[in-house]
Amino acid sequence: MTRILFVCHGNICRSTMAQFVMEELVRRAGREGEFRIDSAATSREEIGNPPHPGTVGKLRREGVPVGSHRARQLRREEYDAWDHIVYMDAENARGVAHILGGDPEGKVSRLLDWAGRSRDVADPWYTGDFDATYRDVLAGCEALLAAL
């Protein structure tokens, strides 16, 4: 079982989008039993909130099922529970490092690095561009799945 945790600032836009996209890619590949996928936040700002309506709308337009999810914050004691902890941007990298206190096993990575793109996934909370975020999330998740 490969365990993947996607992380962003609030866990209502990018990380939940990545969670649901990856779940769908795994489903389409017939590999559901091989993965455990979840998402979390580096902040406490959105804890308990559902995915952002922009994320939900974009995923539905793309035919990606949106599961039940409430924002939660990453916890230090979760490090051993995941094989891959995948963040979206430089701010998330700092937040993950602060929460986890290190990455001794090299589990932490940036999503678009998997796709050979050394840049961040823009936060649609600020850009309003859920289409661009979806394109980046899809590219990163497809590359991650291919690597696994």
C-alpha atoms as a PDB file:
ATOM      1  CA  MET A   1       0.000   0.000   0.000  1.00  0.00           C
ATOM      2  CA  THR A   2       1.390   3.381  -1.055  1.00  0.00           C
ATOM      3  CA  ARG A   3       0.221   6.176   1.214  1.00  0.00           C
ATOM      4  CA  ILE A   4       0.096   9.718  -0.193  1.00  0.00           C
ATOM      5  CA  LEU A   5      -0.794  12.898   1.677  1.00  0.00           C
ATOM      6  CA  PHE A   6      -1.302  16.105  -0.311  1.00  0.00           C
ATOM      7  CA  VAL A   7      -0.735  19.347   1.586  1.00  0.00           C
ATOM      8  CA  CYS A   8      -1.557  23.002   0.958  1.00  0.00           C
ATOM      9  CA  HIS A   9      -2.222  26.052   3.116  1.00  0.00           C
ATOM     10  CA  GLY A  10      -5.889  25.597   4.004  1.00  0.00           C
ATOM     11  CA  ASN A  11      -6.817  22.126   2.700  1.00  0.00           C
ATOM     12  CA  ILE A  12      -9.842  23.418   0.814  1.00  0.00           C
ATOM     13  CA  CYS A  13      -8.458  24.138  -2.693  1.00  0.00           C
ATOM     14  CA  ARG A  14      -5.268  22.567  -4.040  1.00  0.00           C
ATOM     15  CA  SER A  15      -4.650  19.639  -1.695  1.00  0.00           C
ATOM     16  CA  THR A  16      -8.256  18.469  -1.819  1.00  0.00           C
ATOM     17  CA  MET A  17      -8.194  18.866  -5.599  1.00  0.00           C
ATOM     18  CA  ALA A  18      -5.042  16.725  -5.732  1.00  0.00           C
ATOM     19  CA  GLN A  19      -6.578  14.149  -3.390  1.00  0.00           C
ATOM     20  CA  PHE A  20      -9.681  13.694  -5.517  1.00  0.00           C
ATOM     21  CA  VAL A  21      -7.786  13.813  -8.827  1.00  0.00           C
ATOM     22  CA  MET A  22      -5.328  11.186  -7.629  1.00  0.00           C
ATOM     23  CA  GLU A  23      -8.136   8.987  -6.317  1.00  0.00           C
ATOM     24  CA  GLU A  24      -9.803   9.182  -9.732  1.00  0.00           C
ATOM     25  CA  LEU A  25      -6.575   8.453 -11.630  1.00  0.00           C
ATOM     26  CA  VAL A  26      -5.963   5.440  -9.393  1.00  0.00           C
ATOM     27  CA  ARG A  27      -9.562   4.282  -9.909  1.00  0.00           C
ATOM     28  CA  ARG A  28      -9.275   4.609 -13.696  1.00  0.00           C
ATOM     29  CA  ALA A  29      -6.028   2.623 -13.605  1.00  0.00           C
ATOM     30  CA  GLY A  30      -7.735  -0.149 -11.618  1.00  0.00           C
ATOM     31  CA  ARG A  31      -5.249   0.311  -8.771  1.00  0.00           C
ATOM     32  CA  GLU A  32      -7.553   1.363  -5.907  1.00  0.00           C
ATOM     33  CA  GLY A  33      -6.266  -1.322  -3.553  1.00  0.00           C
ATOM     34  CA  GLU A  34      -2.695  -0.100  -3.918  1.00  0.00           C
ATOM     35  CA  PHE A  35      -3.133   3.403  -2.504  1.00  0.00           C
ATOM     36  CA  ARG A  36      -4.322   5.358   0.508  1.00  0.00           C
ATOM     37  CA  ILE A  37      -4.763   9.046  -0.344  1.00  0.00           C
ATOM     38  CA  ASP A  38      -5.669  11.998   1.873  1.00  0.00           C
ATOM     39  CA  SER A  39      -4.980  15.711   2.244  1.00  0.00           C
ATOM     40  CA  ALA A  40      -4.219  18.202   4.998  1.00  0.00           C
ATOM     41  CA  ALA A  41      -3.329  21.836   5.676  1.00  0.00           C
ATOM     42  CA  THR A  42      -0.322  23.597   7.093  1.00  0.00           C
ATOM     43  CA  SER A  43      -2.564  26.230   8.710  1.00  0.00           C
ATOM     44  CA  ARG A  44      -5.523  26.063  11.060  1.00  0.00           C
ATOM     45  CA  GLU A  45      -7.545  28.704   9.177  1.00  0.00           C
ATOM     46  CA  GLU A  46     -10.017  26.409   7.415  1.00  0.00           C
ATOM     47  CA  ILE A  47     -10.202  23.443   9.807  1.00  0.00           C
ATOM     48  CA  GLY A  48     -13.580  21.737   9.535  1.00  0.00           C
ATOM     49  CA  ASN A  49     -14.549  23.471   6.294  1.00  0.00           C
ATOM     50  CA  PRO A  50     -15.532  21.561   3.145  1.00  0.00           C
ATOM     51  CA  PRO A  51     -13.653  21.921  -0.158  1.00  0.00           C
ATOM     52  CA  HIS A  52     -13.844  25.352  -1.782  1.00  0.00           C
ATOM     53  CA  PRO A  53     -16.809  25.726  -4.180  1.00  0.00           C
ATOM     54  CA  GLY A  54     -14.376  26.582  -6.990  1.00  0.00           C
ATOM     55  CA  THR A  55     -12.557  23.281  -6.452  1.00  0.00           C
ATOM     56  CA  VAL A  56     -15.808  21.336  -6.299  1.00  0.00           C
ATOM     57  CA  GLY A  57     -17.146  23.007  -9.442  1.00  0.00           C
ATOM     58  CA  LYS A  58     -13.975  22.451 -11.448  1.00  0.00           C
ATOM     59  CA  LEU A  59     -13.715  18.791 -10.431  1.00  0.00           C
ATOM     60  CA  ARG A  60     -17.353  18.155 -11.311  1.00  0.00           C
ATOM     61  CA  ARG A  61     -16.879  19.770 -14.735  1.00  0.00           C
ATOM     62  CA  GLU A  62     -13.922  17.436 -15.296  1.00  0.00           C
ATOM     63  CA  GLY A  63     -15.883  14.362 -14.198  1.00  0.00           C
ATOM     64  CA  VAL A  64     -13.828  13.859 -11.034  1.00  0.00           C
ATOM     65  CA  PRO A  65     -15.918  12.653  -8.073  1.00  0.00           C
ATOM     66  CA  VAL A  66     -15.717  14.852  -4.992  1.00  0.00           C
ATOM     67  CA  GLY A  67     -15.707  12.829  -1.812  1.00  0.00           C
ATOM     68  CA  SER A  68     -16.612  13.887   1.672  1.00  0.00           C
ATOM     69  CA  HIS A  69     -13.782  15.915   3.192  1.00  0.00           C
ATOM     70  CA  ARG A  70     -13.286  18.468   5.939  1.00  0.00           C
ATOM     71  CA  ALA A  71     -10.123  20.534   6.201  1.00  0.00           C
ATOM     72  CA  ARG A  72      -7.649  19.386   8.817  1.00  0.00           C
ATOM     73  CA  GLN A  73      -4.128  20.300   9.814  1.00  0.00           C
ATOM     74  CA  LEU A  74      -1.094  18.080   9.323  1.00  0.00           C
ATOM     75  CA  ARG A  75       0.301  16.740  12.608  1.00  0.00           C
ATOM     76  CA  ARG A  76       3.921  15.886  13.446  1.00  0.00           C
ATOM     77  CA  GLU A  77       2.994  12.362  14.530  1.00  0.00           C
ATOM     78  CA  GLU A  78       1.638  11.605  11.032  1.00  0.00           C
ATOM     79  CA  TYR A  79       5.085  11.512   9.424  1.00  0.00           C
ATOM     80  CA  ASP A  80       5.430   7.731   9.767  1.00  0.00           C
ATOM     81  CA  ALA A  81       1.909   7.151   8.422  1.00  0.00           C
ATOM     82  CA  TRP A  82       2.760   8.420   4.901  1.00  0.00           C
ATOM     83  CA  ASP A  83       5.125   7.324   2.154  1.00  0.00           C
ATOM     84  CA  HIS A  84       4.794  10.605   0.252  1.00  0.00           C
ATOM     85  CA  ILE A  85       3.905  14.017   1.662  1.00  0.00           C
ATOM     86  CA  VAL A  86       3.341  16.213  -1.372  1.00  0.00           C
ATOM     87  CA  TYR A  87       3.028  19.990  -1.018  1.00  0.00           C
ATOM     88  CA  MET A  88       1.973  22.650  -3.522  1.00  0.00           C
ATOM     89  CA  ASP A  89       4.245  25.684  -3.019  1.00  0.00           C
ATOM     90  CA  ALA A  90       7.228  27.151  -1.180  1.00  0.00           C
ATOM     91  CA  GLU A  91       5.059  28.472   1.640  1.00  0.00           C
ATOM     92  CA  ASN A  92       3.673  24.961   2.166  1.00  0.00           C
ATOM     93  CA  ALA A  93       7.227  23.575   2.198  1.00  0.00           C
ATOM     94  CA  ARG A  94       8.080  25.878   5.098  1.00  0.00           C
ATOM     95  CA  GLY A  95       4.859  24.965   6.903  1.00  0.00           C
ATOM     96  CA  VAL A  96       5.411  21.235   6.448  1.00  0.00           C
ATOM     97  CA  ALA A  97       9.015  21.546   7.671  1.00  0.00           C
ATOM     98  CA  HIS A  98       7.855  23.515  10.710  1.00  0.00           C
ATOM     99  CA  ILE A  99       5.135  21.017  11.600  1.00  0.00           C
ATOM    100  CA  LEU A 100       7.156  17.864  10.968  1.00  0.00           C
ATOM    101  CA  GLY A 101      10.457  19.176  12.293  1.00  0.00           C
ATOM    102  CA  GLY A 102      12.366  17.525   9.449  1.00  0.00           C
ATOM    103  CA  ASP A 103      12.191  14.900   6.739  1.00  0.00           C
ATOM    104  CA  PRO A 104      14.725  12.205   7.646  1.00  0.00           C
ATOM    105  CA  GLU A 105      13.330   9.673   5.158  1.00  0.00           C
ATOM    106  CA  GLY A 106      12.969  12.043   2.189  1.00  0.00           C
ATOM    107  CA  LYS A 107       9.178  11.682   1.970  1.00  0.00           C
ATOM    108  CA  VAL A 108       8.381  15.346   1.341  1.00  0.00           C
ATOM    109  CA  SER A 109       8.209  16.665  -2.234  1.00  0.00           C
ATOM    110  CA  ARG A 110       6.637  19.410  -4.332  1.00  0.00           C
ATOM    111  CA  LEU A 111       3.861  18.192  -6.644  1.00  0.00           C
ATOM    112  CA  LEU A 112       5.056  19.724  -9.903  1.00  0.00           C
ATOM    113  CA  ASP A 113       8.597  18.407  -9.388  1.00  0.00           C
ATOM    114  CA  TRP A 114       7.123  14.974 -10.190  1.00  0.00           C
ATOM    115  CA  ALA A 115       6.141  16.350 -13.620  1.00  0.00           C
ATOM    116  CA  GLY A 116       9.588  17.834 -14.241  1.00  0.00           C
ATOM    117  CA  ARG A 117       8.335  21.374 -13.664  1.00  0.00           C
ATOM    118  CA  SER A 118      10.300  23.218 -11.017  1.00  0.00           C
ATOM    119  CA  ARG A 119       7.578  25.621  -9.967  1.00  0.00           C
ATOM    120  CA  ASP A 120       4.695  25.917  -7.538  1.00  0.00           C
ATOM    121  CA  VAL A 121       1.008  25.177  -8.056  1.00  0.00           C
ATOM    122  CA  ALA A 122      -0.672  28.580  -7.814  1.00  0.00           C
ATOM    123  CA  ASP A 123      -3.280  28.993  -5.106  1.00  0.00           C
ATOM    124  CA  PRO A 124      -6.697  29.625  -6.716  1.00  0.00           C
ATOM    125  CA  TRP A 125      -7.875  31.198  -3.450  1.00  0.00           C
ATOM    126  CA  TYR A 126      -5.798  34.188  -4.595  1.00  0.00           C
ATOM    127  CA  THR A 127      -5.717  33.781  -8.382  1.00  0.00           C
ATOM    128  CA  GLY A 128      -9.335  32.699  -8.878  1.00  0.00           C
ATOM    129  CA  ASP A 129      -8.049  30.469 -11.692  1.00  0.00           C
ATOM    130  CA  PHE A 130      -9.215  26.966 -10.798  1.00  0.00           C
ATOM    131  CA  ASP A 131      -8.643  25.861 -14.406  1.00  0.00           C
ATOM    132  CA  ALA A 132      -4.891  26.572 -14.225  1.00  0.00           C
ATOM    133  CA  THR A 133      -4.665  24.930 -10.817  1.00  0.00           C
ATOM    134  CA  TYR A 134      -6.464  21.858 -12.147  1.00  0.00           C
ATOM    135  CA  ARG A 135      -4.075  21.582 -15.108  1.00  0.00           C
ATOM    136  CA  ASP A 136      -1.073  21.695 -12.765  1.00  0.00           C
ATOM    137  CA  VAL A 137      -2.605  19.288 -10.260  1.00  0.00           C
ATOM    138  CA  LEU A 138      -3.511  16.832 -13.022  1.00  0.00           C
ATOM    139  CA  ALA A 139      -0.002  16.963 -14.516  1.00  0.00           C
ATOM    140  CA  GLY A 140       1.601  16.425 -11.118  1.00  0.00           C
ATOM    141  CA  CYS A 141      -0.722  13.590 -10.125  1.00  0.00           C
ATOM    142  CA  GLU A 142      -0.343  11.816 -13.486  1.00  0.00           C
ATOM    143  CA  ALA A 143       3.446  11.986 -13.157  1.00  0.00           C
ATOM    144  CA  LEU A 144       3.363  10.836  -9.541  1.00  0.00           C
ATOM    145  CA  LEU A 145       1.147   7.863 -10.399  1.00  0.00           C
ATOM    146  CA  ALA A 146       3.378   6.952 -13.354  1.00  0.00           C
ATOM    147  CA  ALA A 147       6.428   7.020 -11.058  1.00  0.00           C
ATOM    148  CA  LEU A 148       4.714   4.726  -8.568  1.00  0.00           C
END
